[in-house]
Amino acid sequence: MTFPGKDAGAEPPVDPNLAKALSHPLRQRILERMSVLGEASPKELARLLDASIPTVAYHVHVLLELGCVKLVRTRHVRGALEHHYRAIAHPWFDREQWAKLPASVRRQAFALTLRDIVADASDAGVAGGFDHPEALVRRIELQLDHQGRQEAAALLEQTLASLQQIRAASASRATEAQAHGNPIDSEVAVLLFRRAQETT
């Protein structure tokens, strides 16, 4: 998600390069995917994001110039050199940066993120990803005043920060021993929005 988010409770620095990097929705999605995968090549990202390889490669290069990703390794694949990159910037804006963006940019970022969520959930449903008892699909409709919406947003920020900590701990355990089993590729999507009928 573009917002909210804090990595393991740490405050991301306010960086004009990050603002420039995330001003394009595809670059935000590239950083998001890299953060999940650990590292990736433009070819892998193009397949995951349903975009052309030249377009993704261009935006990865922009992210590299802005100091948001770094080249971690190269390998020869069928006579070509494949570059793998790792994200070194947060794939989201902090609250202040997000609030300063034009509504049209926020809408576009949300639309692309929602498209990815729906596609991932649909693929998971077909593949049995919701069969496990720990899988959750919940929704709740609320009537909230301004303070209530702020409190709900803050709670979801805390939840996402906790999930970052859980992910880091899981990764640490996975590197220590295989006794815990192979990691399960999981996804958590959090939404807070004004319902359509309330905007009319």
Protein backbone atom coordinates (compact mmCIF):
# COMPACT_ATOMS: atom_id res chain seq x y z
CA MET A 1 0.00 0.00 0.00
CA THR A 2 1.11 3.50 -0.61
CA PHE A 3 -0.03 4.73 2.81
CA PRO A 4 -0.04 4.19 5.72
CA GLY A 5 3.13 2.42 6.71
CA LYS A 6 6.08 2.50 9.02
CA ASP A 7 8.84 -0.08 8.79
CA ALA A 8 9.23 -1.85 12.13
CA GLY A 9 8.12 1.30 13.94
CA ALA A 10 10.92 3.46 12.47
CA GLU A 11 10.09 6.90 11.11
CA PRO A 12 10.98 7.08 7.40
CA PRO A 13 12.99 10.20 6.59
CA VAL A 14 11.32 12.96 4.63
CA ASP A 15 13.31 12.74 1.41
CA PRO A 16 12.61 14.78 -1.73
CA ASN A 17 14.09 11.96 -3.83
CA LEU A 18 11.55 9.56 -2.36
CA ALA A 19 8.74 12.00 -3.13
CA LYS A 20 9.96 12.21 -6.73
CA ALA A 21 10.36 8.44 -6.95
CA LEU A 22 6.87 7.72 -5.65
CA SER A 23 5.24 10.43 -7.73
CA HIS A 24 4.88 7.82 -10.49
CA PRO A 25 2.52 4.93 -9.60
CA LEU A 26 4.61 2.30 -11.39
CA ARG A 27 7.73 3.26 -9.45
CA GLN A 28 5.78 2.95 -6.20
CA ARG A 29 4.60 -0.52 -7.24
CA ILE A 30 8.15 -1.52 -8.21
CA LEU A 31 9.45 -0.52 -4.77
CA GLU A 32 6.53 -2.29 -3.13
CA ARG A 33 7.25 -5.55 -4.95
CA MET A 34 11.01 -5.31 -4.36
CA SER A 35 10.38 -4.84 -0.64
CA VAL A 36 8.36 -8.05 -0.57
CA LEU A 37 10.70 -10.10 -2.78
CA GLY A 38 13.96 -8.87 -1.28
CA GLU A 39 15.47 -8.42 -4.72
CA ALA A 40 14.24 -8.66 -8.29
CA SER A 41 15.17 -8.06 -11.90
CA PRO A 42 13.21 -5.78 -14.25
CA LYS A 43 12.08 -8.89 -16.14
CA GLU A 44 10.63 -10.46 -12.98
CA LEU A 45 8.98 -7.19 -11.99
CA ALA A 46 7.49 -6.72 -15.47
CA ARG A 47 5.82 -10.12 -15.23
CA LEU A 48 4.47 -9.46 -11.73
CA LEU A 49 3.23 -5.96 -12.57
CA ASP A 50 1.86 -6.80 -16.01
CA ALA A 51 4.03 -4.14 -17.63
CA SER A 52 6.56 -4.16 -20.45
CA ILE A 53 10.19 -4.95 -19.63
CA PRO A 54 11.55 -1.72 -21.22
CA THR A 55 9.09 0.40 -19.21
CA VAL A 56 9.95 -1.33 -15.94
CA ALA A 57 13.68 -1.19 -16.69
CA TYR A 58 13.42 2.57 -17.31
CA HIS A 59 11.66 3.19 -13.99
CA VAL A 60 14.10 0.94 -12.12
CA HIS A 61 16.91 3.06 -13.58
CA VAL A 62 15.15 6.21 -12.34
CA LEU A 63 14.85 4.65 -8.89
CA LEU A 64 18.56 3.77 -9.01
CA GLU A 65 19.50 7.37 -9.87
CA LEU A 66 17.30 8.66 -7.04
CA GLY A 67 19.01 6.34 -4.54
CA CYS A 68 15.88 4.28 -3.85
CA VAL A 69 17.25 0.95 -5.12
CA LYS A 70 20.70 -0.54 -5.44
CA LEU A 71 22.21 -3.10 -7.78
CA VAL A 72 22.98 -6.23 -5.75
CA ARG A 73 24.04 -8.75 -8.38
CA THR A 74 24.19 -9.59 -12.06
CA ARG A 75 24.03 -12.90 -13.85
CA HIS A 76 24.31 -14.13 -17.43
CA VAL A 77 21.02 -15.42 -18.85
CA ARG A 78 20.97 -16.63 -22.46
CA GLY A 79 23.80 -14.40 -23.50
CA ALA A 80 22.42 -11.30 -21.77
CA LEU A 81 23.33 -9.73 -18.44
CA GLU A 82 20.41 -9.71 -15.98
CA HIS A 83 20.53 -7.11 -13.21
CA HIS A 84 18.96 -7.70 -9.81
CA TYR A 85 18.08 -4.80 -7.53
CA ARG A 86 17.08 -4.36 -3.90
CA ALA A 87 14.88 -1.59 -2.51
CA ILE A 88 16.63 0.69 -0.03
CA ALA A 89 13.75 3.17 0.33
CA HIS A 90 10.31 2.70 1.85
CA PRO A 91 7.63 2.00 -0.79
CA TRP A 92 5.27 4.52 0.74
CA PHE A 93 4.92 8.13 1.77
CA ASP A 94 4.73 9.24 5.36
CA ARG A 95 1.51 10.98 6.44
CA GLU A 96 2.77 14.50 5.69
CA GLN A 97 4.02 13.64 2.19
CA TRP A 98 0.84 11.74 1.36
CA ALA A 99 -1.38 14.62 2.47
CA LYS A 100 0.48 17.04 0.16
CA LEU A 101 -0.10 14.95 -2.97
CA PRO A 102 -2.88 16.00 -5.35
CA ALA A 103 -6.03 13.91 -4.97
CA SER A 104 -5.64 12.69 -8.57
CA VAL A 105 -2.23 11.18 -7.77
CA ARG A 106 -3.56 9.49 -4.62
CA ARG A 107 -6.51 8.08 -6.57
CA GLN A 108 -4.23 6.64 -9.23
CA ALA A 109 -1.92 5.07 -6.66
CA PHE A 110 -4.85 3.56 -4.80
CA ALA A 111 -6.44 2.27 -8.01
CA LEU A 112 -3.29 0.42 -9.04
CA THR A 113 -2.78 -1.02 -5.55
CA LEU A 114 -6.40 -2.16 -5.41
CA ARG A 115 -6.05 -3.78 -8.83
CA ASP A 116 -3.04 -5.76 -7.54
CA ILE A 117 -4.91 -6.77 -4.38
CA VAL A 118 -7.94 -8.02 -6.31
CA ALA A 119 -5.74 -9.90 -8.80
CA ASP A 120 -3.67 -11.51 -6.02
CA ALA A 121 -6.78 -12.49 -4.05
CA SER A 122 -8.47 -13.95 -7.15
CA ASP A 123 -5.38 -16.00 -8.02
CA ALA A 124 -5.11 -17.18 -4.42
CA GLY A 125 -8.78 -18.20 -4.36
CA VAL A 126 -8.36 -20.38 -7.44
CA ALA A 127 -5.17 -21.93 -6.02
CA GLY A 128 -6.69 -22.70 -2.58
CA GLY A 129 -5.04 -19.80 -0.81
CA PHE A 130 -8.09 -19.26 1.38
CA ASP A 131 -8.49 -22.94 2.34
CA HIS A 132 -6.35 -22.76 5.48
CA PRO A 133 -8.24 -22.02 8.74
CA GLU A 134 -5.91 -19.08 9.43
CA ALA A 135 -7.03 -17.29 6.25
CA LEU A 136 -9.25 -14.31 6.99
CA VAL A 137 -11.74 -12.28 4.98
CA ARG A 138 -13.52 -9.74 7.16
CA ARG A 139 -15.26 -6.44 6.64
CA ILE A 140 -16.96 -3.97 8.93
CA GLU A 141 -19.06 -0.94 8.06
CA LEU A 142 -18.65 2.00 10.43
CA GLN A 143 -20.12 5.43 10.95
CA LEU A 144 -17.19 7.54 12.12
CA ASP A 145 -16.76 11.20 12.96
CA HIS A 146 -13.51 13.00 12.13
CA GLN A 147 -11.78 11.87 15.32
CA GLY A 148 -12.98 8.30 14.80
CA ARG A 149 -11.51 8.21 11.29
CA GLN A 150 -8.19 9.52 12.62
CA GLU A 151 -8.17 6.88 15.36
CA ALA A 152 -9.02 4.12 12.88
CA ALA A 153 -6.22 5.24 10.54
CA ALA A 154 -3.74 5.32 13.43
CA LEU A 155 -4.78 1.80 14.50
CA LEU A 156 -4.23 0.48 10.98
CA GLU A 157 -0.81 2.16 10.85
CA GLN A 158 0.13 0.38 14.07
CA THR A 159 -1.12 -2.91 12.63
CA LEU A 160 0.99 -2.50 9.51
CA ALA A 161 4.05 -1.64 11.60
CA SER A 162 3.48 -4.79 13.66
CA LEU A 163 3.19 -6.85 10.48
CA GLN A 164 6.55 -5.48 9.34
CA GLN A 165 8.06 -6.66 12.63
CA ILE A 166 6.43 -10.09 12.23
CA ARG A 167 7.80 -10.36 8.69
CA ALA A 168 11.31 -9.44 9.86
CA ALA A 169 11.16 -12.01 12.68
CA SER A 170 9.93 -14.69 10.28
CA ALA A 171 12.78 -13.94 7.87
CA SER A 172 15.27 -14.14 10.73
CA ARG A 173 13.94 -17.53 11.85
CA ALA A 174 14.02 -18.82 8.27
CA THR A 175 17.73 -18.05 7.98
CA GLU A 176 18.55 -19.61 11.35
CA ALA A 177 17.10 -23.04 10.70
CA GLN A 178 14.70 -24.96 8.50
CA ALA A 179 13.01 -26.49 11.54
CA HIS A 180 10.15 -24.01 11.24
CA GLY A 181 9.38 -25.16 7.69
CA ASN A 182 9.47 -23.18 4.49
CA PRO A 183 8.02 -19.65 4.61
CA ILE A 184 4.47 -19.32 3.31
CA ASP A 185 4.04 -16.52 0.77
CA SER A 186 1.27 -14.47 2.41
CA GLU A 187 -0.46 -11.16 1.82
CA VAL A 188 -2.39 -8.79 4.11
CA ALA A 189 -4.45 -5.99 2.59
CA VAL A 190 -5.85 -3.17 4.74
CA LEU A 191 -8.47 -0.71 3.50
CA LEU A 192 -10.06 2.33 5.07
CA PHE A 193 -12.31 4.40 2.80
CA ARG A 194 -15.45 6.46 2.61
CA ARG A 195 -18.31 4.42 1.17
CA ALA A 196 -19.60 5.61 -2.20
CA GLN A 197 -23.14 6.46 -1.08
CA GLU A 198 -21.74 8.84 1.54
CA THR A 199 -20.10 11.00 -1.12
CA THR A 200 -23.31 11.80 -3.02
